[in-house]
Amino acid sequence: MSNFDSSLRECLGFSHIMISEFFRVSIARKLMSFKFPIGVETIYKPFFITIFLYLFILLTSCAPVNNIYSIDNGKLDKSSTQNEIIVDDETTEHIISETPKENKKSIVKKFDFDIQNTVNIIFSKEEDPKIISQFINVIELAVYEQKLDNINFEIHFYNEQNELIDLLEKTNLSGRIFIGPLNTPDTKLLKKYCEEGVVFFSFSSDKNLANECVYLINFFPENEIRTLFSFFPDNSKIAILYPENSYGFGINNIIDKIANQSNSIIVNRASYNENLSDAPTAIKELGKYELRKYELNRQKKILASKTDDESKKRLSKLEKFQTVQDLDFTHVIIADYGLRLLQVAPLLPYYDIDPNNVQFVGTGAWDDEVFYDEPSLSGSIYPGIEFRNRQELDKNYYELYNERLLRISTLPYDLVGLIDFVINSNHTISSFYKLLNENNTKFSGVDGSFYFLNNSIERDLDILKIEKGEVKLISK
């Protein structure tokens, strides 16, 4: 049983555990209990055994980086613009990077009040319990690893939207930061509270909801597809293969606009049913399998009618193939993941879309070692961040909670560091909006440097290549 699981059980029984003076952080929960009425608030103060102190690592935190100034040993240095910055608090490392694209100004109204150091975390009880548990664990871990001692968390669970509305309306929103909700329907409710001077960090995947005081934290395909098209050689010809589901349709909807702004073109695309029933047909259409097979047979007939040695050698060579090898695309983006990807990928070479001649390309959803041993994906590329960036976090999480870190659980880890920096920098809500929306600023975290573009998170992604059961960096 993990330390946190044990503490959580004690919290549910409403026994209080005091934490050492070194780690002063309290997490207030609104929980259901058989001992007290629904909605009774209890204070949960997590306790970590002494051995945890040996697990502390110096991780890259989320403090921002300004592209004009640097800090050296606590002193402001205006001369440095392109080197590493170390803030003299023994816990924070910053990385200078190029200026991100300018954001559209989201809020013009000024809110001069200070940011509250109590952060509300809001979860619907209908969400996946494993995700909720990991998010809470990771936030707790971030507080301890980053040694954050001036930030408090109140964790609230709600059953339906009316309860969420009631919570928000009873809270002093001025200067308050919220982490959540996780879903899109509940995030739609938030905009009307922006006039109160509040900041919401939602995990919704609907970028249409990123506006005013609502900032979205997620892994967005637009970011990944732009990274790919920036990497493709000039005049690359791209095909796209995608499932007929929300993820596949989403990729298909955004890819044309991104391609039109690049030096590559999309020459073909095909989709298949989510249950894979027509996947072979889709792949044959994508690669014009029947046409290429017809052309090969035509050439074989011509060569068979000839008797010279050169024609016989050529015919012998063609007998090894099912189709002619000429394809009209240089890269194929396979916009799928999970078990379907492991079933779809081998069908491409089976129908003569040879990964030795065509570059197989994935999305950020390929960032999972389960795909690295699939032979048909060897040599494939996808956008992402090297695992070693989050390796220590992954290791420490497993040792503490005895479960693997979900890929999405790095999101709240980096977010906590950002929020802590803002609280300790004495920002007002108005200056926080400016920091996120207008400044040429990037933040560093375990998922690499990031910033906000039009209220949605953007990352500086690399291109990774799968080879021999491993993945390696091939570009920055």
Protein backbone atom coordinates (compact mmCIF):
# COMPACT_ATOMS: atom_id res chain seq x y z
CA MET A 1 0.00 0.00 0.00
CA SER A 2 1.42 3.43 -0.92
CA ASN A 3 1.96 6.22 1.59
CA PHE A 4 -0.66 8.35 -0.05
CA ASP A 5 -3.20 5.52 -0.29
CA SER A 6 -2.73 4.92 3.42
CA SER A 7 -3.12 8.61 4.20
CA LEU A 8 -6.18 8.84 1.99
CA ARG A 9 -7.82 6.03 3.90
CA GLU A 10 -7.14 7.87 7.13
CA CYS A 11 -8.60 11.03 5.61
CA LEU A 12 -11.74 9.16 4.65
CA GLY A 13 -11.99 8.01 8.26
CA PHE A 14 -11.50 11.62 9.29
CA SER A 15 -8.43 11.01 11.40
CA HIS A 16 -5.91 13.83 11.12
CA ILE A 17 -2.21 13.33 10.68
CA MET A 18 0.12 16.20 11.46
CA ILE A 19 3.05 16.81 9.16
CA SER A 20 6.49 18.09 10.11
CA GLU A 21 7.21 21.80 10.27
CA PHE A 22 9.52 21.42 7.27
CA PHE A 23 6.64 20.55 4.98
CA ARG A 24 3.75 22.88 5.71
CA VAL A 25 1.02 22.23 3.21
CA SER A 26 -2.60 21.37 3.78
CA ILE A 27 -5.06 19.83 1.37
CA ALA A 28 -8.72 20.37 2.19
CA ARG A 29 -11.12 17.84 0.73
CA LYS A 30 -14.85 17.79 0.37
CA LEU A 31 -15.64 14.11 0.63
CA MET A 32 -18.54 11.76 1.19
CA SER A 33 -18.35 9.84 4.44
CA PHE A 34 -20.47 7.35 6.29
CA LYS A 35 -19.49 9.10 9.53
CA PHE A 36 -20.36 12.69 8.66
CA PRO A 37 -22.91 14.39 6.38
CA ILE A 38 -22.06 14.85 2.72
CA GLY A 39 -19.98 17.97 2.15
CA VAL A 40 -18.25 18.09 5.50
CA GLU A 41 -14.77 19.50 4.93
CA THR A 42 -11.80 17.82 6.52
CA ILE A 43 -8.21 18.90 6.50
CA TYR A 44 -5.83 16.33 5.09
CA LYS A 45 -2.16 16.77 5.91
CA PRO A 46 -0.10 14.10 4.14
CA PHE A 47 2.74 12.43 6.00
CA PHE A 48 5.80 11.01 4.23
CA ILE A 49 8.17 8.62 5.91
CA THR A 50 11.80 9.63 6.33
CA ILE A 51 13.07 7.54 3.44
CA PHE A 52 11.27 9.84 1.03
CA LEU A 53 13.81 12.54 1.77
CA TYR A 54 16.40 10.44 -0.05
CA LEU A 55 14.23 10.43 -3.14
CA PHE A 56 14.37 14.17 -3.62
CA ILE A 57 15.72 15.17 -6.99
CA LEU A 58 16.47 18.48 -8.58
CA LEU A 59 13.78 18.58 -11.26
CA THR A 60 13.21 21.29 -13.77
CA SER A 61 10.41 23.42 -12.39
CA CYS A 62 7.91 25.70 -14.07
CA ALA A 63 9.33 29.08 -13.20
CA PRO A 64 9.16 31.31 -16.27
CA VAL A 65 11.96 32.44 -18.49
CA ASN A 66 12.11 35.94 -19.89
CA ASN A 67 13.91 36.30 -23.18
CA ILE A 68 15.53 39.61 -22.23
CA TYR A 69 16.80 39.15 -18.68
CA SER A 70 18.56 36.40 -16.80
CA ILE A 71 19.21 35.84 -13.15
CA ASP A 72 22.66 34.86 -11.92
CA ASN A 73 23.12 34.12 -8.24
CA GLY A 74 20.06 36.12 -7.43
CA LYS A 75 21.17 39.22 -9.39
CA LEU A 76 19.51 40.60 -12.46
CA ASP A 77 21.71 40.38 -15.54
CA LYS A 78 20.52 42.16 -18.69
CA SER A 79 23.43 40.97 -20.81
CA SER A 80 22.52 37.30 -21.07
CA THR A 81 19.83 36.23 -23.52
CA GLN A 82 20.62 32.71 -24.66
CA ASN A 83 22.02 30.71 -21.77
CA GLU A 84 20.83 28.67 -18.85
CA ILE A 85 19.56 30.56 -15.83
CA ILE A 86 19.77 29.24 -12.30
CA VAL A 87 17.68 30.99 -9.66
CA ASP A 88 19.41 30.93 -6.32
CA ASP A 89 16.69 29.09 -4.41
CA GLU A 90 18.26 25.63 -4.86
CA THR A 91 15.09 24.25 -6.42
CA THR A 92 14.41 26.07 -9.66
CA GLU A 93 16.10 25.71 -13.03
CA HIS A 94 15.13 27.81 -16.04
CA ILE A 95 15.86 27.38 -19.71
CA ILE A 96 15.97 30.25 -22.18
CA SER A 97 14.42 29.48 -25.55
CA GLU A 98 13.20 31.33 -28.58
CA THR A 99 10.32 33.75 -28.32
CA PRO A 100 6.93 32.09 -28.76
CA LYS A 101 4.31 33.45 -31.07
CA GLU A 102 2.46 36.44 -29.68
CA ASN A 103 -0.84 35.66 -28.06
CA LYS A 104 -4.08 37.40 -28.79
CA LYS A 105 -4.98 39.62 -25.87
CA SER A 106 -7.66 37.77 -23.95
CA ILE A 107 -8.62 40.09 -21.09
CA VAL A 108 -8.42 43.86 -21.10
CA LYS A 109 -9.99 44.41 -17.72
CA LYS A 110 -7.57 45.04 -14.86
CA PHE A 111 -7.68 43.01 -11.67
CA ASP A 112 -5.20 44.49 -9.24
CA PHE A 113 -5.88 42.21 -6.28
CA ASP A 114 -3.31 39.64 -5.21
CA ILE A 115 -3.45 35.97 -6.09
CA GLN A 116 -4.65 33.80 -3.24
CA ASN A 117 -2.22 31.12 -2.10
CA THR A 118 -5.03 28.61 -1.65
CA VAL A 119 -5.63 26.74 -4.90
CA ASN A 120 -8.90 24.90 -5.52
CA ILE A 121 -8.78 21.53 -7.28
CA ILE A 122 -12.16 20.45 -8.66
CA PHE A 123 -13.06 16.94 -9.82
CA SER A 124 -16.30 15.44 -11.03
CA LYS A 125 -17.03 12.12 -9.33
CA GLU A 126 -17.87 10.75 -12.77
CA GLU A 127 -14.25 10.98 -13.90
CA ASP A 128 -11.96 7.94 -14.07
CA PRO A 129 -10.95 7.24 -10.43
CA LYS A 130 -7.45 6.18 -11.53
CA ILE A 131 -6.83 9.53 -13.23
CA ILE A 132 -8.16 11.47 -10.24
CA SER A 133 -6.02 9.43 -7.85
CA GLN A 134 -2.89 9.97 -9.95
CA PHE A 135 -3.50 13.70 -10.31
CA ILE A 136 -3.82 14.07 -6.55
CA ASN A 137 -0.72 11.93 -5.98
CA VAL A 138 1.29 13.91 -8.52
CA ILE A 139 0.26 17.25 -7.04
CA GLU A 140 1.32 15.99 -3.63
CA LEU A 141 4.60 14.74 -5.07
CA ALA A 142 5.22 18.06 -6.83
CA VAL A 143 4.75 19.95 -3.56
CA TYR A 144 7.39 17.83 -1.86
CA GLU A 145 9.91 17.46 -4.66
CA GLN A 146 9.82 21.13 -5.54
CA LYS A 147 9.79 22.06 -1.82
CA LEU A 148 6.76 24.31 -2.08
CA ASP A 149 5.82 25.72 1.32
CA ASN A 150 3.59 28.71 0.53
CA ILE A 151 0.76 27.03 -1.33
CA ASN A 152 -2.35 25.27 -0.03
CA PHE A 153 -4.81 23.07 -1.88
CA GLU A 154 -8.52 22.54 -1.38
CA ILE A 155 -9.79 19.47 -3.21
CA HIS A 156 -13.51 19.37 -3.99
CA PHE A 157 -15.56 16.62 -5.58
CA TYR A 158 -18.96 17.30 -7.12
CA ASN A 159 -21.66 15.01 -8.48
CA GLU A 160 -23.24 17.24 -11.13
CA GLN A 161 -22.92 20.67 -12.67
CA ASN A 162 -25.29 22.29 -10.18
CA GLU A 163 -22.94 21.32 -7.37
CA LEU A 164 -20.02 22.81 -9.29
CA ILE A 165 -21.94 26.04 -9.84
CA ASP A 166 -22.87 26.15 -6.16
CA LEU A 167 -19.22 25.66 -5.18
CA LEU A 168 -18.02 28.45 -7.46
CA GLU A 169 -20.69 30.90 -6.34
CA LYS A 170 -19.94 30.31 -2.67
CA THR A 171 -16.19 30.80 -3.16
CA ASN A 172 -14.41 34.12 -3.02
CA LEU A 173 -13.21 33.99 -6.64
CA SER A 174 -11.19 37.22 -6.70
CA GLY A 175 -7.56 36.19 -7.09
CA ARG A 176 -8.38 32.48 -6.93
CA ILE A 177 -6.72 29.82 -9.09
CA PHE A 178 -8.57 26.60 -9.93
CA ILE A 179 -7.10 23.35 -11.25
CA GLY A 180 -9.84 21.56 -13.20
CA PRO A 181 -12.32 20.50 -14.35
CA LEU A 182 -11.06 17.52 -16.33
CA ASN A 183 -13.91 17.38 -18.84
CA THR A 184 -15.36 19.57 -21.56
CA PRO A 185 -19.04 19.92 -20.46
CA ASP A 186 -18.10 21.33 -17.05
CA THR A 187 -15.45 23.60 -18.55
CA LYS A 188 -18.16 25.25 -20.64
CA LEU A 189 -19.60 26.73 -17.43
CA LEU A 190 -16.49 28.67 -16.47
CA LYS A 191 -16.42 31.66 -18.79
CA LYS A 192 -19.19 33.52 -16.98
CA TYR A 193 -16.99 33.72 -13.87
CA CYS A 194 -14.12 35.52 -15.60
CA GLU A 195 -15.51 38.90 -14.54
CA GLU A 196 -14.64 37.91 -10.97
CA GLY A 197 -10.90 37.90 -11.64
CA VAL A 198 -10.25 34.17 -11.45
CA VAL A 199 -8.00 31.75 -13.35
CA PHE A 200 -9.08 28.24 -14.37
CA PHE A 201 -6.63 25.63 -15.63
CA SER A 202 -8.87 23.07 -17.30
CA PHE A 203 -7.83 19.76 -18.85
CA SER A 204 -10.52 19.86 -21.54
CA SER A 205 -9.40 18.94 -25.06
CA ASP A 206 -11.83 21.40 -26.73
CA LYS A 207 -9.70 24.38 -27.74
CA ASN A 208 -12.83 26.44 -28.43
CA LEU A 209 -13.17 26.79 -24.66
CA ALA A 210 -9.78 28.45 -24.27
CA ASN A 211 -10.68 32.08 -23.65
CA GLU A 212 -10.45 34.93 -21.16
CA CYS A 213 -9.74 33.35 -17.76
CA VAL A 214 -9.89 29.73 -18.97
CA TYR A 215 -6.53 28.15 -19.86
CA LEU A 216 -6.30 24.63 -21.26
CA ILE A 217 -3.66 22.11 -20.20
CA ASN A 218 -3.55 19.02 -22.41
CA PHE A 219 -1.61 17.31 -25.21
CA PHE A 220 -3.00 19.04 -28.28
CA PRO A 221 -2.58 17.44 -31.75
CA GLU A 222 -2.21 20.84 -33.46
CA ASN A 223 1.03 21.36 -31.59
CA GLU A 224 2.26 17.92 -32.67
CA ILE A 225 1.24 18.23 -36.33
CA ARG A 226 2.91 21.65 -36.64
CA THR A 227 6.10 20.14 -35.25
CA LEU A 228 5.99 17.37 -37.86
CA PHE A 229 5.42 19.67 -40.82
CA SER A 230 8.26 21.91 -39.63
CA PHE A 231 10.50 18.83 -39.67
CA PHE A 232 9.50 17.35 -43.03
CA PRO A 233 11.96 18.09 -45.86
CA ASP A 234 10.77 20.64 -48.43
CA ASN A 235 8.44 19.25 -51.08
CA SER A 236 7.53 16.20 -49.01
CA LYS A 237 4.35 14.46 -50.14
CA ILE A 238 2.18 13.39 -47.24
CA ALA A 239 -0.55 10.77 -46.95
CA ILE A 240 -2.73 10.44 -43.88
CA LEU A 241 -4.44 7.31 -42.56
CA TYR A 242 -6.86 7.75 -39.67
CA PRO A 243 -9.67 5.98 -37.77
CA GLU A 244 -13.24 7.18 -38.01
CA ASN A 245 -13.49 8.41 -34.44
CA SER A 246 -13.15 11.74 -32.66
CA TYR A 247 -9.35 11.54 -32.58
CA GLY A 248 -8.97 10.63 -36.24
CA PHE A 249 -11.53 13.17 -37.43
CA GLY A 250 -9.86 15.81 -35.28
CA ILE A 251 -6.48 15.20 -36.91
CA ASN A 252 -8.05 15.23 -40.37
CA ASN A 253 -9.79 18.53 -39.64
CA ILE A 254 -6.66 20.40 -38.59
CA ILE A 255 -4.04 18.96 -40.91
CA ASP A 256 -4.89 20.84 -44.10
CA LYS A 257 -4.48 24.28 -42.57
CA ILE A 258 -1.14 23.32 -41.08
CA ALA A 259 0.05 21.71 -44.32
CA ASN A 260 -0.92 24.80 -46.33
CA GLN A 261 1.41 26.87 -44.15
CA SER A 262 4.33 24.49 -44.76
CA ASN A 263 6.53 23.46 -47.68
CA SER A 264 4.89 20.03 -47.90
CA ILE A 265 1.65 18.92 -49.49
CA ILE A 266 -0.99 16.32 -48.68
CA VAL A 267 -1.51 14.04 -51.67
CA ASN A 268 -3.77 11.32 -50.34
CA ARG A 269 -5.80 10.25 -47.34
CA ALA A 270 -7.92 7.33 -46.22
CA SER A 271 -9.99 6.43 -43.17
CA TYR A 272 -11.14 3.16 -41.65
CA ASN A 273 -13.87 2.06 -39.29
CA GLU A 274 -12.96 2.15 -35.63
CA ASN A 275 -13.48 -1.61 -35.41
CA LEU A 276 -10.93 -2.09 -38.25
CA SER A 277 -13.41 -4.01 -40.40
CA ASP A 278 -12.47 -2.07 -43.53
CA ALA A 279 -8.86 -1.23 -42.63
CA PRO A 280 -7.36 -3.42 -45.42
CA THR A 281 -9.57 -1.72 -48.02
CA ALA A 282 -8.62 1.74 -46.73
CA ILE A 283 -4.91 0.92 -46.85
CA LYS A 284 -5.15 -0.51 -50.36
CA GLU A 285 -6.92 2.68 -51.49
CA LEU A 286 -4.35 4.86 -49.78
CA GLY A 287 -1.48 3.17 -51.57
CA LYS A 288 -3.43 2.62 -54.81
CA TYR A 289 -2.70 -1.05 -54.37
CA GLU A 290 -4.92 -2.36 -57.17
CA LEU A 291 -3.60 0.16 -59.69
CA ARG A 292 0.00 -0.60 -58.77
CA LYS A 293 -0.70 -4.33 -58.92
CA TYR A 294 -2.25 -3.92 -62.39
CA GLU A 295 0.80 -1.97 -63.56
CA LEU A 296 3.15 -4.66 -62.25
CA ASN A 297 1.24 -7.42 -64.04
CA ARG A 298 1.27 -5.37 -67.24
CA GLN A 299 5.05 -5.05 -67.08
CA LYS A 300 5.41 -8.78 -66.33
CA LYS A 301 3.42 -9.67 -69.45
CA ILE A 302 5.56 -7.45 -71.63
CA LEU A 303 8.79 -8.88 -70.25
CA ALA A 304 7.50 -12.47 -70.51
CA SER A 305 7.04 -12.02 -74.24
CA LYS A 306 10.72 -11.18 -74.67
CA THR A 307 13.61 -13.63 -74.88
CA ASP A 308 16.68 -11.48 -74.25
CA ASP A 309 18.66 -11.98 -71.04
CA GLU A 310 18.03 -8.44 -69.75
CA SER A 311 14.26 -8.90 -69.97
CA LYS A 312 14.48 -12.27 -68.23
CA LYS A 313 16.51 -10.74 -65.37
CA ARG A 314 14.05 -7.91 -65.05
CA LEU A 315 11.11 -10.33 -65.01
CA SER A 316 12.78 -12.47 -62.37
CA LYS A 317 13.21 -9.40 -60.19
CA LEU A 318 9.59 -8.28 -60.59
CA GLU A 319 8.31 -11.72 -59.57
CA LYS A 320 9.33 -10.90 -56.02
CA PHE A 321 6.87 -8.00 -55.78
CA GLN A 322 3.09 -7.72 -55.53
CA THR A 323 2.97 -4.18 -56.97
CA VAL A 324 5.23 -1.63 -58.55
CA GLN A 325 7.15 0.21 -55.86
CA ASP A 326 6.42 3.75 -56.98
CA LEU A 327 4.16 5.52 -54.47
CA ASP A 328 2.95 9.07 -54.81
CA PHE A 329 3.79 10.00 -51.20
CA THR A 330 7.01 10.15 -49.21
CA HIS A 331 5.46 10.05 -45.71
CA VAL A 332 2.34 8.50 -44.22
CA ILE A 333 0.90 9.85 -40.99
CA ILE A 334 -0.87 7.08 -39.07
CA ALA A 335 -3.19 9.02 -36.75
CA ASP A 336 -4.01 6.21 -34.35
CA TYR A 337 -2.72 4.63 -31.14
CA GLY A 338 -3.30 1.78 -28.72
CA LEU A 339 -4.19 -1.72 -29.84
CA ARG A 340 -5.56 -0.44 -33.17
CA LEU A 341 -2.15 0.96 -34.10
CA LEU A 342 -0.51 -2.41 -33.44
CA GLN A 343 -3.07 -4.00 -35.77
CA VAL A 344 -3.07 -1.34 -38.49
CA ALA A 345 0.68 -0.73 -38.81
CA PRO A 346 1.57 -4.26 -40.06
CA LEU A 347 -1.10 -3.98 -42.77
CA LEU A 348 0.79 -1.20 -44.54
CA PRO A 349 3.84 -3.26 -45.54
CA TYR A 350 1.54 -6.23 -46.20
CA TYR A 351 -0.14 -4.16 -48.89
CA ASP A 352 3.17 -2.92 -50.23
CA ILE A 353 3.51 0.39 -48.45
CA ASP A 354 7.08 -0.35 -47.52
CA PRO A 355 8.54 1.49 -44.48
CA ASN A 356 11.94 1.24 -46.18
CA ASN A 357 10.63 3.48 -48.97
CA VAL A 358 8.03 5.55 -47.13
CA GLN A 359 8.54 7.25 -43.77
CA PHE A 360 5.92 6.12 -41.24
CA VAL A 361 4.91 9.01 -38.98
CA GLY A 362 2.94 9.07 -35.73
CA THR A 363 1.51 11.61 -33.30
CA GLY A 364 2.32 12.31 -29.67
CA ALA A 365 0.00 9.43 -28.77
CA TRP A 366 2.85 7.11 -29.83
CA ASP A 367 4.83 8.15 -26.77
CA ASP A 368 4.51 4.70 -25.23
CA GLU A 369 7.11 1.94 -25.12
CA VAL A 370 4.45 -0.64 -26.06
CA PHE A 371 4.88 0.44 -29.70
CA TYR A 372 8.66 0.22 -29.84
CA ASP A 373 8.87 -3.52 -30.45
CA GLU A 374 6.44 -3.60 -33.36
CA PRO A 375 8.63 -4.44 -36.41
CA SER A 376 6.55 -2.43 -38.88
CA LEU A 377 7.07 0.71 -36.75
CA SER A 378 10.86 0.42 -36.67
CA GLY A 379 12.24 3.57 -38.27
CA SER A 380 9.05 5.52 -37.63
CA ILE A 381 9.10 9.03 -36.20
CA TYR A 382 6.76 11.01 -33.97
CA PRO A 383 6.78 14.34 -32.07
CA GLY A 384 7.43 14.29 -28.34
CA ILE A 385 9.86 14.74 -25.48
CA GLU A 386 12.53 12.23 -24.52
CA PHE A 387 11.55 9.92 -21.69
CA ARG A 388 14.70 10.82 -19.76
CA ASN A 389 13.14 14.25 -19.09
CA ARG A 390 10.54 12.60 -16.88
CA GLN A 391 12.46 9.46 -15.96
CA GLU A 392 13.20 10.52 -12.38
CA LEU A 393 9.60 11.58 -11.84
CA ASP A 394 8.40 8.26 -13.25
CA LYS A 395 10.81 6.33 -11.02
CA ASN A 396 9.97 8.25 -7.85
CA TYR A 397 6.25 7.97 -8.48
CA TYR A 398 6.47 4.21 -8.88
CA GLU A 399 8.54 3.81 -5.73
CA LEU A 400 6.10 5.87 -3.69
CA TYR A 401 2.75 4.72 -5.04
CA ASN A 402 3.59 1.31 -6.52
CA GLU A 403 1.99 2.07 -9.87
CA ARG A 404 3.17 3.40 -13.21
CA LEU A 405 2.83 7.08 -13.91
CA LEU A 406 0.20 7.78 -16.54
CA ARG A 407 1.50 9.86 -19.42
CA ILE A 408 -1.05 12.60 -18.75
CA SER A 409 -0.03 12.85 -15.09
CA THR A 410 2.94 15.05 -15.95
CA LEU A 411 0.39 17.81 -16.70
CA PRO A 412 -0.52 18.68 -13.09
CA TYR A 413 3.11 18.25 -12.00
CA ASP A 414 4.31 21.06 -14.27
CA LEU A 415 1.23 23.15 -13.52
CA VAL A 416 1.85 23.15 -9.77
CA GLY A 417 5.34 24.54 -10.28
CA LEU A 418 3.98 27.34 -12.46
CA ILE A 419 1.31 28.27 -9.93
CA ASP A 420 3.76 28.25 -7.06
CA PHE A 421 6.09 30.58 -8.93
CA VAL A 422 3.27 33.04 -9.58
CA ILE A 423 2.12 33.00 -5.95
CA ASN A 424 5.62 33.57 -4.62
CA SER A 425 6.35 36.31 -7.16
CA ASN A 426 3.56 38.43 -5.68
CA HIS A 427 1.65 38.63 -8.94
CA THR A 428 -1.79 40.13 -9.16
CA ILE A 429 -4.41 38.45 -11.30
CA SER A 430 -3.92 41.21 -13.86
CA SER A 431 -0.16 40.64 -14.08
CA PHE A 432 -0.71 36.87 -14.19
CA TYR A 433 -2.95 37.30 -17.25
CA LYS A 434 -0.23 39.45 -18.79
CA LEU A 435 2.44 36.87 -17.98
CA LEU A 436 0.47 34.11 -19.69
CA ASN A 437 -0.95 36.09 -22.60
CA GLU A 438 1.42 38.85 -23.59
CA ASN A 439 4.95 38.34 -22.31
CA ASN A 440 7.55 36.58 -24.45
CA THR A 441 7.86 33.96 -21.76
CA LYS A 442 8.30 30.23 -21.62
CA PHE A 443 8.19 27.88 -18.68
CA SER A 444 10.29 24.78 -18.21
CA GLY A 445 9.00 21.47 -16.91
CA VAL A 446 9.38 17.71 -17.15
CA ASP A 447 7.57 17.81 -20.51
CA GLY A 448 9.98 20.39 -21.87
CA SER A 449 9.52 24.13 -22.23
CA PHE A 450 5.98 25.37 -22.71
CA TYR A 451 3.97 28.56 -23.08
CA PHE A 452 0.39 29.59 -23.75
CA LEU A 453 -0.90 30.55 -27.18
CA ASN A 454 -4.44 31.87 -27.24
CA ASN A 455 -4.99 30.38 -23.76
CA SER A 456 -3.94 26.84 -24.78
CA ILE A 457 -0.67 25.23 -23.78
CA GLU A 458 1.99 24.83 -26.47
CA ARG A 459 5.20 22.81 -26.13
CA ASP A 460 8.54 22.90 -27.86
CA LEU A 461 8.51 19.32 -29.10
CA ASP A 462 11.33 17.24 -30.56
CA ILE A 463 11.21 14.53 -33.23
CA LEU A 464 11.82 11.04 -31.90
CA LYS A 465 12.63 7.89 -33.90
CA ILE A 466 11.83 4.27 -33.06
CA GLU A 467 14.77 1.93 -33.63
CA LYS A 468 15.48 -1.59 -32.36
CA GLY A 469 12.91 -1.47 -29.59
CA GLU A 470 14.03 1.94 -28.36
CA VAL A 471 13.40 5.56 -29.18
CA LYS A 472 16.04 8.20 -29.83
CA LEU A 473 16.10 11.93 -30.39
CA ILE A 474 16.81 12.98 -33.97
CA SER A 475 15.97 16.70 -33.85
CA LYS A 476 15.46 19.61 -31.51
